[in-house]
Each structure stands twice: as C-alpha cells, then as structure tokens.
Amino acid sequence: MTGKILARFKARVSSLELVPSDGGCFELSVGDKLLYSKLREGKFPDEAWAVEAVGASLP
C-alpha cells in the first residue's frame, strides 16, 4: 500500500511514516485526520479504497 501511495502521489506526499504496533492495530491518517481504524472497523481496509482516501485527503 505504501508503494502505491508514493508512486501515485509522490509530488503531493512530503513524508510517510510507518509505526509498528501490537494487537492488530492498523490506522491510516493524513496529518491529524484519521481515515481508517482497523480496531473500530474490525478488518483491514480495501487497498484501492485506502489509496484513494489518502489522495482525497492530501492538500
């Protein structure tokens, strides 16, 4: 997913940070805006949706 985000939006992404965690936590944020939480939804997001959501949230 990170590769697709960087390839598609490289001119608009100033940084990308992966933070390892325990317990099945997966959260996707742009800036301070939480786009997706696996803990809340109970499953991983669809990758295509996640890439589009990031793009739509970029300045």
PDB file of N, CA and C in Angstrom:
ATOM      1  N   MET A   1       0.823  -1.191   0.000  1.00  0.00           N
ATOM      2  CA  MET A   1       0.000   0.000   0.000  1.00  0.00           C
ATOM      3  C   MET A   1       0.865   1.251   0.000  1.00  0.00           C
ATOM      4  N   THR A   2       1.916   1.264   0.803  1.00  0.00           N
ATOM      5  CA  THR A   2       2.773   2.459   0.850  1.00  0.00           C
ATOM      6  C   THR A   2       3.408   2.732  -0.506  1.00  0.00           C
ATOM      7  N   GLY A   3       3.824   1.665  -1.201  1.00  0.00           N
ATOM      8  CA  GLY A   3       4.412   1.829  -2.519  1.00  0.00           C
ATOM      9  C   GLY A   3       3.439   2.447  -3.505  1.00  0.00           C
ATOM     10  N   LYS A   4       2.188   2.021  -3.450  1.00  0.00           N
ATOM     11  CA  LYS A   4       1.173   2.566  -4.349  1.00  0.00           C
ATOM     12  C   LYS A   4       0.875   4.028  -4.024  1.00  0.00           C
ATOM     13  N   ILE A   5       0.825   4.359  -2.741  1.00  0.00           N
ATOM     14  CA  ILE A   5       0.582   5.746  -2.338  1.00  0.00           C
ATOM     15  C   ILE A   5       1.717   6.638  -2.827  1.00  0.00           C
ATOM     16  N   LEU A   6       2.948   6.200  -2.597  1.00  0.00           N
ATOM     17  CA  LEU A   6       4.094   7.011  -3.018  1.00  0.00           C
ATOM     18  C   LEU A   6       4.191   7.117  -4.534  1.00  0.00           C
ATOM     19  N   ALA A   7       3.935   6.029  -5.247  1.00  0.00           N
ATOM     20  CA  ALA A   7       4.019   6.069  -6.705  1.00  0.00           C
ATOM     21  C   ALA A   7       2.954   6.992  -7.300  1.00  0.00           C
ATOM     22  N   ARG A   8       1.777   6.949  -6.751  1.00  0.00           N
ATOM     23  CA  ARG A   8       0.672   7.730  -7.316  1.00  0.00           C
ATOM     24  C   ARG A   8       0.688   9.201  -6.908  1.00  0.00           C
ATOM     25  N   PHE A   9       1.106   9.474  -5.665  1.00  0.00           N
ATOM     26  CA  PHE A   9       1.009  10.834  -5.136  1.00  0.00           C
ATOM     27  C   PHE A   9       2.356  11.420  -4.728  1.00  0.00           C
ATOM     28  N   LYS A  10       3.454  10.949  -5.328  1.00  0.00           N
ATOM     29  CA  LYS A  10       4.787  11.346  -4.875  1.00  0.00           C
ATOM     30  C   LYS A  10       5.007  12.855  -4.878  1.00  0.00           C
ATOM     31  N   ALA A  11       4.380  13.567  -5.781  1.00  0.00           N
ATOM     32  CA  ALA A  11       4.559  15.021  -5.816  1.00  0.00           C
ATOM     33  C   ALA A  11       3.794  15.718  -4.687  1.00  0.00           C
ATOM     34  N   ARG A  12       2.818  15.032  -4.081  1.00  0.00           N
ATOM     35  CA  ARG A  12       1.991  15.647  -3.047  1.00  0.00           C
ATOM     36  C   ARG A  12       2.276  15.114  -1.649  1.00  0.00           C
ATOM     37  N   VAL A  13       3.080  14.053  -1.536  1.00  0.00           N
ATOM     38  CA  VAL A  13       3.398  13.457  -0.230  1.00  0.00           C
ATOM     39  C   VAL A  13       4.745  13.985   0.233  1.00  0.00           C
ATOM     40  N   SER A  14       4.763  14.691   1.347  1.00  0.00           N
ATOM     41  CA  SER A  14       6.027  15.228   1.854  1.00  0.00           C
ATOM     42  C   SER A  14       6.732  14.226   2.759  1.00  0.00           C
ATOM     43  N   SER A  15       5.974  13.339   3.400  1.00  0.00           N
ATOM     44  CA  SER A  15       6.574  12.282   4.216  1.00  0.00           C
ATOM     45  C   SER A  15       5.550  11.184   4.443  1.00  0.00           C
ATOM     46  N   LEU A  16       6.052   9.999   4.745  1.00  0.00           N
ATOM     47  CA  LEU A  16       5.203   8.858   5.034  1.00  0.00           C
ATOM     48  C   LEU A  16       5.839   8.122   6.195  1.00  0.00           C
ATOM     49  N   GLU A  17       5.070   7.824   7.209  1.00  0.00           N
ATOM     50  CA  GLU A  17       5.606   7.197   8.413  1.00  0.00           C
ATOM     51  C   GLU A  17       4.852   5.911   8.715  1.00  0.00           C
ATOM     52  N   LEU A  18       5.589   4.830   8.915  1.00  0.00           N
ATOM     53  CA  LEU A  18       5.023   3.559   9.355  1.00  0.00           C
ATOM     54  C   LEU A  18       5.403   3.374  10.811  1.00  0.00           C
ATOM     55  N   VAL A  19       4.428   3.086  11.647  1.00  0.00           N
ATOM     56  CA  VAL A  19       4.668   2.915  13.081  1.00  0.00           C
ATOM     57  C   VAL A  19       4.249   1.501  13.470  1.00  0.00           C
ATOM     58  N   PRO A  20       5.210   0.621  13.784  1.00  0.00           N
ATOM     59  CA  PRO A  20       4.860  -0.741  14.185  1.00  0.00           C
ATOM     60  C   PRO A  20       4.081  -0.741  15.502  1.00  0.00           C
ATOM     61  N   SER A  21       3.163  -1.705  15.624  1.00  0.00           N
ATOM     62  CA  SER A  21       2.403  -1.822  16.868  1.00  0.00           C
ATOM     63  C   SER A  21       2.007  -3.276  17.101  1.00  0.00           C
ATOM     64  N   ASP A  22       1.386  -3.511  18.230  1.00  0.00           N
ATOM     65  CA  ASP A  22       0.917  -4.847  18.601  1.00  0.00           C
ATOM     66  C   ASP A  22      -0.608  -4.867  18.599  1.00  0.00           C
ATOM     67  N   GLY A  23      -1.160  -6.044  18.712  1.00  0.00           N
ATOM     68  CA  GLY A  23      -2.580  -6.187  18.969  1.00  0.00           C
ATOM     69  C   GLY A  23      -3.501  -5.943  17.793  1.00  0.00           C
ATOM     70  N   GLY A  24      -3.007  -6.022  16.571  1.00  0.00           N
ATOM     71  CA  GLY A  24      -3.877  -5.878  15.413  1.00  0.00           C
ATOM     72  C   GLY A  24      -4.287  -4.466  15.083  1.00  0.00           C
ATOM     73  N   CYS A  25      -3.583  -3.504  15.612  1.00  0.00           N
ATOM     74  CA  CYS A  25      -3.908  -2.105  15.345  1.00  0.00           C
ATOM     75  C   CYS A  25      -3.408  -1.722  13.950  1.00  0.00           C
ATOM     76  N   PHE A  26      -4.282  -1.143  13.143  1.00  0.00           N
ATOM     77  CA  PHE A  26      -3.904  -0.567  11.854  1.00  0.00           C
ATOM     78  C   PHE A  26      -4.721   0.694  11.703  1.00  0.00           C
ATOM     79  N   GLU A  27      -4.044   1.819  11.653  1.00  0.00           N
ATOM     80  CA  GLU A  27      -4.735   3.082  11.462  1.00  0.00           C
ATOM     81  C   GLU A  27      -4.093   3.826  10.310  1.00  0.00           C
ATOM     82  N   LEU A  28      -4.917   4.507   9.553  1.00  0.00           N
ATOM     83  CA  LEU A  28      -4.473   5.266   8.397  1.00  0.00           C
ATOM     84  C   LEU A  28      -4.886   6.713   8.608  1.00  0.00           C
ATOM     85  N   SER A  29      -3.886   7.594   8.628  1.00  0.00           N
ATOM     86  CA  SER A  29      -4.142   9.017   8.862  1.00  0.00           C
ATOM     87  C   SER A  29      -3.411   9.853   7.837  1.00  0.00           C
ATOM     88  N   VAL A  30      -3.971  11.027   7.559  1.00  0.00           N
ATOM     89  CA  VAL A  30      -3.281  12.058   6.789  1.00  0.00           C
ATOM     90  C   VAL A  30      -3.279  13.282   7.688  1.00  0.00           C
ATOM     91  N   GLY A  31      -2.075  13.695   8.074  1.00  0.00           N
ATOM     92  CA  GLY A  31      -1.979  14.772   9.062  1.00  0.00           C
ATOM     93  C   GLY A  31      -2.623  14.304  10.356  1.00  0.00           C
ATOM     94  N   ASP A  32      -3.506  15.107  10.899  1.00  0.00           N
ATOM     95  CA  ASP A  32      -4.208  14.748  12.132  1.00  0.00           C
ATOM     96  C   ASP A  32      -5.544  14.061  11.866  1.00  0.00           C
ATOM     97  N   LYS A  33      -5.886  13.851  10.611  1.00  0.00           N
ATOM     98  CA  LYS A  33      -7.188  13.282  10.255  1.00  0.00           C
ATOM     99  C   LYS A  33      -7.097  11.759  10.138  1.00  0.00           C
ATOM    100  N   LEU A  34      -7.816  11.054  11.009  1.00  0.00           N
ATOM    101  CA  LEU A  34      -7.878   9.596  10.975  1.00  0.00           C
ATOM    102  C   LEU A  34      -8.834   9.185   9.860  1.00  0.00           C
ATOM    103  N   LEU A  35      -8.305   8.447   8.877  1.00  0.00           N
ATOM    104  CA  LEU A  35      -9.121   7.991   7.760  1.00  0.00           C
ATOM    105  C   LEU A  35      -9.718   6.615   8.013  1.00  0.00           C
ATOM    106  N   TYR A  36      -8.980   5.766   8.738  1.00  0.00           N
ATOM    107  CA  TYR A  36      -9.436   4.393   8.937  1.00  0.00           C
ATOM    108  C   TYR A  36      -8.808   3.815  10.191  1.00  0.00           C
ATOM    109  N   SER A  37      -9.588   3.052  10.931  1.00  0.00           N
ATOM    110  CA  SER A  37      -9.097   2.346  12.112  1.00  0.00           C
ATOM    111  C   SER A  37      -9.566   0.898  12.053  1.00  0.00           C
ATOM    112  N   LYS A  38      -8.632  -0.030  11.965  1.00  0.00           N
ATOM    113  CA  LYS A  38      -8.977  -1.454  11.970  1.00  0.00           C
ATOM    114  C   LYS A  38      -9.606  -1.845  13.299  1.00  0.00           C
ATOM    115  N   LEU A  39      -9.177  -1.244  14.376  1.00  0.00           N
ATOM    116  CA  LEU A  39      -9.753  -1.567  15.682  1.00  0.00           C
ATOM    117  C   LEU A  39     -11.235  -1.194  15.722  1.00  0.00           C
ATOM    118  N   ARG A  40     -11.598  -0.114  15.086  1.00  0.00           N
ATOM    119  CA  ARG A  40     -13.001   0.320  15.060  1.00  0.00           C
ATOM    120  C   ARG A  40     -13.823  -0.493  14.062  1.00  0.00           C
ATOM    121  N   GLU A  41     -13.251  -0.757  12.873  1.00  0.00           N
ATOM    122  CA  GLU A  41     -13.984  -1.430  11.800  1.00  0.00           C
ATOM    123  C   GLU A  41     -13.917  -2.954  11.878  1.00  0.00           C
ATOM    124  N   GLY A  42     -12.879  -3.482  12.533  1.00  0.00           N
ATOM    125  CA  GLY A  42     -12.760  -4.933  12.694  1.00  0.00           C
ATOM    126  C   GLY A  42     -12.113  -5.659  11.529  1.00  0.00           C
ATOM    127  N   LYS A  43     -11.634  -4.933  10.539  1.00  0.00           N
ATOM    128  CA  LYS A  43     -10.969  -5.550   9.390  1.00  0.00           C
ATOM    129  C   LYS A  43     -10.047  -4.534   8.731  1.00  0.00           C
ATOM    130  N   PHE A  44      -9.139  -5.040   7.888  1.00  0.00           N
ATOM    131  CA  PHE A  44      -8.264  -4.148   7.136  1.00  0.00           C
ATOM    132  C   PHE A  44      -9.067  -3.468   6.033  1.00  0.00           C
ATOM    133  N   PRO A  45      -8.672  -2.254   5.656  1.00  0.00           N
ATOM    134  CA  PRO A  45      -9.397  -1.576   4.568  1.00  0.00           C
ATOM    135  C   PRO A  45      -9.033  -2.178   3.219  1.00  0.00           C
ATOM    136  N   ASP A  46      -9.908  -2.001   2.258  1.00  0.00           N
ATOM    137  CA  ASP A  46      -9.604  -2.355   0.883  1.00  0.00           C
ATOM    138  C   ASP A  46      -8.457  -1.449   0.422  1.00  0.00           C
ATOM    139  N   GLU A  47      -7.436  -2.033  -0.180  1.00  0.00           N
ATOM    140  CA  GLU A  47      -6.252  -1.257  -0.555  1.00  0.00           C
ATOM    141  C   GLU A  47      -6.574  -0.137  -1.543  1.00  0.00           C
ATOM    142  N   ALA A  48      -7.378  -0.424  -2.548  1.00  0.00           N
ATOM    143  CA  ALA A  48      -7.721   0.612  -3.530  1.00  0.00           C
ATOM    144  C   ALA A  48      -8.460   1.765  -2.851  1.00  0.00           C
ATOM    145  N   TRP A  49      -9.370   1.445  -1.950  1.00  0.00           N
ATOM    146  CA  TRP A  49     -10.087   2.486  -1.210  1.00  0.00           C
ATOM    147  C   TRP A  49      -9.102   3.329  -0.399  1.00  0.00           C
ATOM    148  N   ALA A  50      -8.167   2.666   0.288  1.00  0.00           N
ATOM    149  CA  ALA A  50      -7.213   3.367   1.143  1.00  0.00           C
ATOM    150  C   ALA A  50      -6.342   4.335   0.332  1.00  0.00           C
ATOM    151  N   VAL A  51      -5.867   3.892  -0.818  1.00  0.00           N
ATOM    152  CA  VAL A  51      -5.037   4.749  -1.676  1.00  0.00           C
ATOM    153  C   VAL A  51      -5.850   5.962  -2.123  1.00  0.00           C
ATOM    154  N   GLU A  52      -7.086   5.754  -2.539  1.00  0.00           N
ATOM    155  CA  GLU A  52      -7.949   6.869  -2.958  1.00  0.00           C
ATOM    156  C   GLU A  52      -8.261   7.805  -1.798  1.00  0.00           C
ATOM    157  N   ALA A  53      -8.488   7.257  -0.603  1.00  0.00           N
ATOM    158  CA  ALA A  53      -8.789   8.071   0.570  1.00  0.00           C
ATOM    159  C   ALA A  53      -7.604   8.961   0.925  1.00  0.00           C
ATOM    160  N   VAL A  54      -6.411   8.419   0.826  1.00  0.00           N
ATOM    161  CA  VAL A  54      -5.221   9.229   1.082  1.00  0.00           C
ATOM    162  C   VAL A  54      -5.139  10.359   0.059  1.00  0.00           C
ATOM    163  N   GLY A  55      -5.286  10.027  -1.207  1.00  0.00           N
ATOM    164  CA  GLY A  55      -5.223  11.046  -2.258  1.00  0.00           C
ATOM    165  C   GLY A  55      -6.256  12.149  -2.070  1.00  0.00           C
ATOM    166  N   ALA A  56      -7.460  11.772  -1.690  1.00  0.00           N
ATOM    167  CA  ALA A  56      -8.523  12.761  -1.486  1.00  0.00           C
ATOM    168  C   ALA A  56      -8.250  13.659  -0.279  1.00  0.00           C
ATOM    169  N   SER A  57      -7.424  13.194   0.654  1.00  0.00           N
ATOM    170  CA  SER A  57      -7.132  13.958   1.875  1.00  0.00           C
ATOM    171  C   SER A  57      -5.867  14.797   1.795  1.00  0.00           C
ATOM    172  N   LEU A  58      -5.113  14.625   0.731  1.00  0.00           N
ATOM    173  CA  LEU A  58      -3.869  15.403   0.580  1.00  0.00           C
ATOM    174  C   LEU A  58      -4.181  16.832   0.178  1.00  0.00           C
ATOM    175  N   PRO A  59      -3.367  17.760   0.659  1.00  0.00           N
ATOM    176  CA  PRO A  59      -3.572  19.163   0.260  1.00  0.00           C
ATOM    177  C   PRO A  59      -3.248  19.384  -1.204  1.00  0.00           C
TER     178      PRO A  59
END
